[in-house]
Amino acid sequence: MTGSLTSAMALVSHPDEVGASRLSMAAGERFVERLSMSHLVTPYGTFNLIQYDTEQEFERAIVAHVNDIFGERRIYLDCKRKIGAKDGKQSVPDAYLIDVSSPSDPQLYVVENEISSHDLFKHIGVQLLQFSVSFAQAGRTIKQILFDEVSADSSAKARCEKYAQEGGFRNLDHFLESL
């Protein structure tokens, strides 16, 4: 199997608490075995470096290969909706990722896709801090966004309902509340 590796990053943030986020390179946790200047060799295949000119082009590639990047036990919700206090700073994550690799302890991640030309601290770091603050201010709004997005996608809804049942949750709403 040969695939594509981008020069951009898919940063995933888990809002443990305000100001503290766990970050990971999306592909890095699962795949990295050997990295050279233009290849990534993994147990799943060899991936070649591709330069994306725009973030939109990069995001389309992620959506097209979401299961290859994140795996079958994660649900990628490709939605850009404003979060945060209406009278305060608001932010717009690129997506949400529901990790059900442990059905009794599902996790929610905020996904921000960035091309490599963006400054790690001035651009990406600021965004991740804003997401953390927005999460603290708009918990119910985020749950409603998740419910709306999952309900609108029959595949995501069926998967979430399956994982909710496996994890002992009463229903989809109870499952989403646990994130």
Foldseek 3Di string as FASTA:
>chain_A
DEEADEQWFKWKWFQPAQPDTDIDGQQVVPFADDDDPFWGQGPVGIHGYDYDPDQVVVVVVCVVCVCVRHNDQKDKQQDWDWFADPVDDIATFRIKIWGLPPLLQIGIIGIHIGHPVDDCCPPVVVRNNRVNNRCVGGVVVVLVVVVVRCVVDVVSVVSLQVSCVVNVHPGSSRSSVND
